[in-house]
Amino acid sequence: MATEALISFYMDEHVPTAVSQGLRRRGADVLTAQEAGMRGSSDEEHLTLAASEGRTIFTQDADFLRLHASNRAHSGIVYAPQGTPVGAMLQALVLIHDVLRPQEMAGRVEFV
Protein backbone atom coordinates (compact mmCIF):
# COMPACT_ATOMS: atom_id res chain seq x y z
CA MET A 1 0.00 0.00 0.00
CA ALA A 2 1.39 3.41 -0.98
CA THR A 3 1.99 5.96 1.75
CA GLU A 4 0.04 9.18 1.33
CA ALA A 5 2.03 12.40 1.28
CA LEU A 6 2.11 14.42 4.47
CA ILE A 7 1.68 18.16 4.78
CA SER A 8 4.93 20.10 4.82
CA PHE A 9 4.97 23.55 6.37
CA TYR A 10 6.44 26.91 5.46
CA MET A 11 6.74 29.24 8.46
CA ASP A 12 6.22 32.96 7.92
CA GLU A 13 9.09 35.00 9.33
CA HIS A 14 7.36 36.04 12.58
CA VAL A 15 6.40 32.54 13.76
CA PRO A 16 8.16 31.69 17.04
CA THR A 17 11.14 29.35 16.60
CA ALA A 18 9.68 27.05 19.27
CA VAL A 19 6.78 26.20 16.94
CA SER A 20 9.10 25.11 14.12
CA GLN A 21 11.31 23.16 16.52
CA GLY A 22 8.32 21.42 18.10
CA LEU A 23 6.97 20.35 14.72
CA ARG A 24 10.36 19.03 13.67
CA ARG A 25 10.64 17.00 16.89
CA ARG A 26 7.36 15.38 15.87
CA GLY A 27 8.67 14.49 12.41
CA ALA A 28 7.10 17.29 10.34
CA ASP A 29 8.88 18.78 7.33
CA VAL A 30 9.33 22.48 8.13
CA LEU A 31 10.98 25.29 6.17
CA THR A 32 11.23 28.73 7.76
CA ALA A 33 11.29 32.01 5.88
CA GLN A 34 14.73 32.64 7.35
CA GLU A 35 16.08 29.30 6.08
CA ALA A 36 14.64 30.03 2.63
CA GLY A 37 16.37 33.42 2.53
CA MET A 38 12.99 35.16 2.41
CA ARG A 39 13.32 37.54 5.37
CA GLY A 40 11.75 40.88 4.40
CA SER A 41 9.97 39.47 1.35
CA SER A 42 6.41 40.48 0.52
CA ASP A 43 3.46 38.34 1.59
CA GLU A 44 2.86 37.53 -2.08
CA GLU A 45 6.44 36.28 -2.43
CA HIS A 46 6.10 34.09 0.68
CA LEU A 47 2.84 32.62 -0.64
CA THR A 48 4.37 32.01 -4.07
CA LEU A 49 7.38 30.20 -2.60
CA ALA A 50 5.22 28.05 -0.34
CA ALA A 51 2.92 27.15 -3.25
CA SER A 52 5.83 26.36 -5.58
CA GLU A 53 7.09 23.85 -3.02
CA GLY A 54 3.63 22.50 -2.14
CA ARG A 55 3.95 23.74 1.43
CA THR A 56 1.16 24.92 3.70
CA ILE A 57 2.07 28.33 5.08
CA PHE A 58 1.68 29.03 8.78
CA THR A 59 1.35 32.69 9.66
CA GLN A 60 0.16 35.18 12.25
CA ASP A 61 -0.24 37.88 9.58
CA ALA A 62 -3.88 38.59 8.66
CA ASP A 63 -2.76 39.90 5.25
CA PHE A 64 -2.56 36.27 4.13
CA LEU A 65 -6.31 35.97 4.76
CA ARG A 66 -6.84 38.85 2.34
CA LEU A 67 -4.67 37.11 -0.26
CA HIS A 68 -6.82 34.00 0.17
CA ALA A 69 -10.01 36.07 -0.18
CA SER A 70 -8.68 37.48 -3.46
CA ASN A 71 -8.68 33.93 -4.86
CA ARG A 72 -4.89 33.74 -4.94
CA ALA A 73 -3.79 30.13 -5.54
CA HIS A 74 -1.96 28.55 -2.59
CA SER A 75 -1.13 25.22 -0.99
CA GLY A 76 -2.98 26.03 2.22
CA ILE A 77 -2.81 28.67 4.92
CA VAL A 78 -2.95 28.10 8.66
CA TYR A 79 -3.56 31.34 10.56
CA ALA A 80 -3.15 32.04 14.27
CA PRO A 81 -3.83 35.52 15.66
CA GLN A 82 -1.05 37.39 17.43
CA GLY A 83 -0.91 36.38 21.08
CA THR A 84 -1.85 32.74 20.48
CA PRO A 85 0.17 30.60 22.92
CA VAL A 86 2.95 28.50 21.38
CA GLY A 87 1.41 25.33 22.82
CA ALA A 88 -1.92 26.04 21.12
CA MET A 89 -0.21 26.73 17.79
CA LEU A 90 1.83 23.55 18.01
CA GLN A 91 -1.16 21.42 19.02
CA ALA A 92 -3.24 22.71 16.09
CA LEU A 93 -0.41 22.26 13.56
CA VAL A 94 0.27 18.69 14.72
CA LEU A 95 -3.42 17.89 14.35
CA ILE A 96 -3.51 19.37 10.84
CA HIS A 97 -0.35 17.46 9.93
CA ASP A 98 -1.77 14.18 11.24
CA VAL A 99 -5.29 14.48 9.83
CA LEU A 100 -5.16 16.38 6.53
CA ARG A 101 -3.28 15.63 3.32
CA PRO A 102 -1.66 18.26 1.06
CA GLN A 103 -4.43 18.00 -1.55
CA GLU A 104 -7.01 18.68 1.18
CA MET A 105 -5.18 21.82 2.33
CA ALA A 106 -4.76 23.30 -1.16
CA GLY A 107 -6.73 26.54 -1.38
CA ARG A 108 -7.99 26.16 2.20
CA VAL A 109 -7.54 28.23 5.35
CA GLU A 110 -7.50 26.72 8.82
CA PHE A 111 -7.73 28.93 11.91
CA VAL A 112 -5.93 28.26 15.20
C-alpha atoms as a PDB file:
ATOM      1  CA  MET A   1       0.000   0.000   0.000  1.00  0.00           C
ATOM      2  CA  ALA A   2       1.392   3.412  -0.976  1.00  0.00           C
ATOM      3  CA  THR A   3       1.989   5.960   1.745  1.00  0.00           C
ATOM      4  CA  GLU A   4       0.038   9.179   1.332  1.00  0.00           C
ATOM      5  CA  ALA A   5       2.025  12.397   1.280  1.00  0.00           C
ATOM      6  CA  LEU A   6       2.108  14.423   4.469  1.00  0.00           C
ATOM      7  CA  ILE A   7       1.681  18.157   4.784  1.00  0.00           C
ATOM      8  CA  SER A   8       4.928  20.103   4.817  1.00  0.00           C
ATOM      9  CA  PHE A   9       4.971  23.549   6.367  1.00  0.00           C
ATOM     10  CA  TYR A  10       6.445  26.915   5.460  1.00  0.00           C
ATOM     11  CA  MET A  11       6.742  29.244   8.462  1.00  0.00           C
ATOM     12  CA  ASP A  12       6.224  32.958   7.925  1.00  0.00           C
ATOM     13  CA  GLU A  13       9.088  35.000   9.332  1.00  0.00           C
ATOM     14  CA  HIS A  14       7.365  36.036  12.578  1.00  0.00           C
ATOM     15  CA  VAL A  15       6.401  32.541  13.759  1.00  0.00           C
ATOM     16  CA  PRO A  16       8.163  31.688  17.040  1.00  0.00           C
ATOM     17  CA  THR A  17      11.144  29.346  16.602  1.00  0.00           C
ATOM     18  CA  ALA A  18       9.682  27.051  19.273  1.00  0.00           C
ATOM     19  CA  VAL A  19       6.785  26.202  16.944  1.00  0.00           C
ATOM     20  CA  SER A  20       9.099  25.107  14.116  1.00  0.00           C
ATOM     21  CA  GLN A  21      11.309  23.159  16.518  1.00  0.00           C
ATOM     22  CA  GLY A  22       8.316  21.425  18.099  1.00  0.00           C
ATOM     23  CA  LEU A  23       6.972  20.351  14.718  1.00  0.00           C
ATOM     24  CA  ARG A  24      10.358  19.028  13.666  1.00  0.00           C
ATOM     25  CA  ARG A  25      10.635  16.997  16.887  1.00  0.00           C
ATOM     26  CA  ARG A  26       7.360  15.379  15.866  1.00  0.00           C
ATOM     27  CA  GLY A  27       8.675  14.493  12.411  1.00  0.00           C
ATOM     28  CA  ALA A  28       7.102  17.290  10.339  1.00  0.00           C
ATOM     29  CA  ASP A  29       8.881  18.783   7.326  1.00  0.00           C
ATOM     30  CA  VAL A  30       9.329  22.483   8.128  1.00  0.00           C
ATOM     31  CA  LEU A  31      10.979  25.288   6.171  1.00  0.00           C
ATOM     32  CA  THR A  32      11.229  28.728   7.761  1.00  0.00           C
ATOM     33  CA  ALA A  33      11.295  32.014   5.881  1.00  0.00           C
ATOM     34  CA  GLN A  34      14.732  32.640   7.354  1.00  0.00           C
ATOM     35  CA  GLU A  35      16.081  29.299   6.078  1.00  0.00           C
ATOM     36  CA  ALA A  36      14.642  30.025   2.631  1.00  0.00           C
ATOM     37  CA  GLY A  37      16.373  33.425   2.528  1.00  0.00           C
ATOM     38  CA  MET A  38      12.986  35.163   2.412  1.00  0.00           C
ATOM     39  CA  ARG A  39      13.323  37.537   5.368  1.00  0.00           C
ATOM     40  CA  GLY A  40      11.751  40.879   4.403  1.00  0.00           C
ATOM     41  CA  SER A  41       9.966  39.468   1.346  1.00  0.00           C
ATOM     42  CA  SER A  42       6.410  40.482   0.518  1.00  0.00           C
ATOM     43  CA  ASP A  43       3.463  38.342   1.595  1.00  0.00           C
ATOM     44  CA  GLU A  44       2.855  37.528  -2.084  1.00  0.00           C
ATOM     45  CA  GLU A  45       6.439  36.276  -2.429  1.00  0.00           C
ATOM     46  CA  HIS A  46       6.096  34.088   0.676  1.00  0.00           C
ATOM     47  CA  LEU A  47       2.842  32.622  -0.637  1.00  0.00           C
ATOM     48  CA  THR A  48       4.374  32.006  -4.068  1.00  0.00           C
ATOM     49  CA  LEU A  49       7.382  30.200  -2.600  1.00  0.00           C
ATOM     50  CA  ALA A  50       5.216  28.052  -0.342  1.00  0.00           C
ATOM     51  CA  ALA A  51       2.917  27.152  -3.249  1.00  0.00           C
ATOM     52  CA  SER A  52       5.829  26.365  -5.576  1.00  0.00           C
ATOM     53  CA  GLU A  53       7.095  23.847  -3.022  1.00  0.00           C
ATOM     54  CA  GLY A  54       3.631  22.500  -2.142  1.00  0.00           C
ATOM     55  CA  ARG A  55       3.947  23.744   1.434  1.00  0.00           C
ATOM     56  CA  THR A  56       1.157  24.920   3.702  1.00  0.00           C
ATOM     57  CA  ILE A  57       2.073  28.331   5.077  1.00  0.00           C
ATOM     58  CA  PHE A  58       1.678  29.032   8.782  1.00  0.00           C
ATOM     59  CA  THR A  59       1.350  32.687   9.663  1.00  0.00           C
ATOM     60  CA  GLN A  60       0.155  35.182  12.247  1.00  0.00           C
ATOM     61  CA  ASP A  61      -0.242  37.876   9.579  1.00  0.00           C
ATOM     62  CA  ALA A  62      -3.881  38.589   8.656  1.00  0.00           C
ATOM     63  CA  ASP A  63      -2.759  39.901   5.254  1.00  0.00           C
ATOM     64  CA  PHE A  64      -2.562  36.270   4.132  1.00  0.00           C
ATOM     65  CA  LEU A  65      -6.305  35.969   4.758  1.00  0.00           C
ATOM     66  CA  ARG A  66      -6.841  38.846   2.336  1.00  0.00           C
ATOM     67  CA  LEU A  67      -4.670  37.106  -0.260  1.00  0.00           C
ATOM     68  CA  HIS A  68      -6.820  33.996   0.168  1.00  0.00           C
ATOM     69  CA  ALA A  69     -10.011  36.070  -0.176  1.00  0.00           C
ATOM     70  CA  SER A  70      -8.684  37.485  -3.465  1.00  0.00           C
ATOM     71  CA  ASN A  71      -8.676  33.928  -4.859  1.00  0.00           C
ATOM     72  CA  ARG A  72      -4.890  33.739  -4.944  1.00  0.00           C
ATOM     73  CA  ALA A  73      -3.787  30.127  -5.539  1.00  0.00           C
ATOM     74  CA  HIS A  74      -1.956  28.552  -2.587  1.00  0.00           C
ATOM     75  CA  SER A  75      -1.135  25.218  -0.988  1.00  0.00           C
ATOM     76  CA  GLY A  76      -2.984  26.030   2.217  1.00  0.00           C
ATOM     77  CA  ILE A  77      -2.814  28.669   4.922  1.00  0.00           C
ATOM     78  CA  VAL A  78      -2.951  28.103   8.662  1.00  0.00           C
ATOM     79  CA  TYR A  79      -3.565  31.337  10.556  1.00  0.00           C
ATOM     80  CA  ALA A  80      -3.152  32.045  14.267  1.00  0.00           C
ATOM     81  CA  PRO A  81      -3.832  35.524  15.658  1.00  0.00           C
ATOM     82  CA  GLN A  82      -1.046  37.390  17.433  1.00  0.00           C
ATOM     83  CA  GLY A  83      -0.906  36.377  21.082  1.00  0.00           C
ATOM     84  CA  THR A  84      -1.853  32.737  20.476  1.00  0.00           C
ATOM     85  CA  PRO A  85       0.171  30.595  22.922  1.00  0.00           C
ATOM     86  CA  VAL A  86       2.953  28.501  21.382  1.00  0.00           C
ATOM     87  CA  GLY A  87       1.408  25.327  22.817  1.00  0.00           C
ATOM     88  CA  ALA A  88      -1.922  26.036  21.123  1.00  0.00           C
ATOM     89  CA  MET A  89      -0.208  26.728  17.792  1.00  0.00           C
ATOM     90  CA  LEU A  90       1.831  23.548  18.011  1.00  0.00           C
ATOM     91  CA  GLN A  91      -1.159  21.422  19.020  1.00  0.00           C
ATOM     92  CA  ALA A  92      -3.240  22.706  16.090  1.00  0.00           C
ATOM     93  CA  LEU A  93      -0.415  22.255  13.557  1.00  0.00           C
ATOM     94  CA  VAL A  94       0.275  18.694  14.720  1.00  0.00           C
ATOM     95  CA  LEU A  95      -3.418  17.889  14.352  1.00  0.00           C
ATOM     96  CA  ILE A  96      -3.511  19.375  10.837  1.00  0.00           C
ATOM     97  CA  HIS A  97      -0.349  17.457   9.926  1.00  0.00           C
ATOM     98  CA  ASP A  98      -1.773  14.184  11.244  1.00  0.00           C
ATOM     99  CA  VAL A  99      -5.292  14.482   9.826  1.00  0.00           C
ATOM    100  CA  LEU A 100      -5.160  16.384   6.532  1.00  0.00           C
ATOM    101  CA  ARG A 101      -3.279  15.635   3.316  1.00  0.00           C
ATOM    102  CA  PRO A 102      -1.664  18.264   1.059  1.00  0.00           C
ATOM    103  CA  GLN A 103      -4.431  18.004  -1.548  1.00  0.00           C
ATOM    104  CA  GLU A 104      -7.012  18.675   1.177  1.00  0.00           C
ATOM    105  CA  MET A 105      -5.184  21.821   2.329  1.00  0.00           C
ATOM    106  CA  ALA A 106      -4.763  23.299  -1.163  1.00  0.00           C
ATOM    107  CA  GLY A 107      -6.731  26.541  -1.383  1.00  0.00           C
ATOM    108  CA  ARG A 108      -7.985  26.159   2.195  1.00  0.00           C
ATOM    109  CA  VAL A 109      -7.545  28.235   5.350  1.00  0.00           C
ATOM    110  CA  GLU A 110      -7.495  26.719   8.825  1.00  0.00           C
ATOM    111  CA  PHE A 111      -7.732  28.929  11.913  1.00  0.00           C
ATOM    112  CA  VAL A 112      -5.928  28.257  15.204  1.00  0.00           C
END
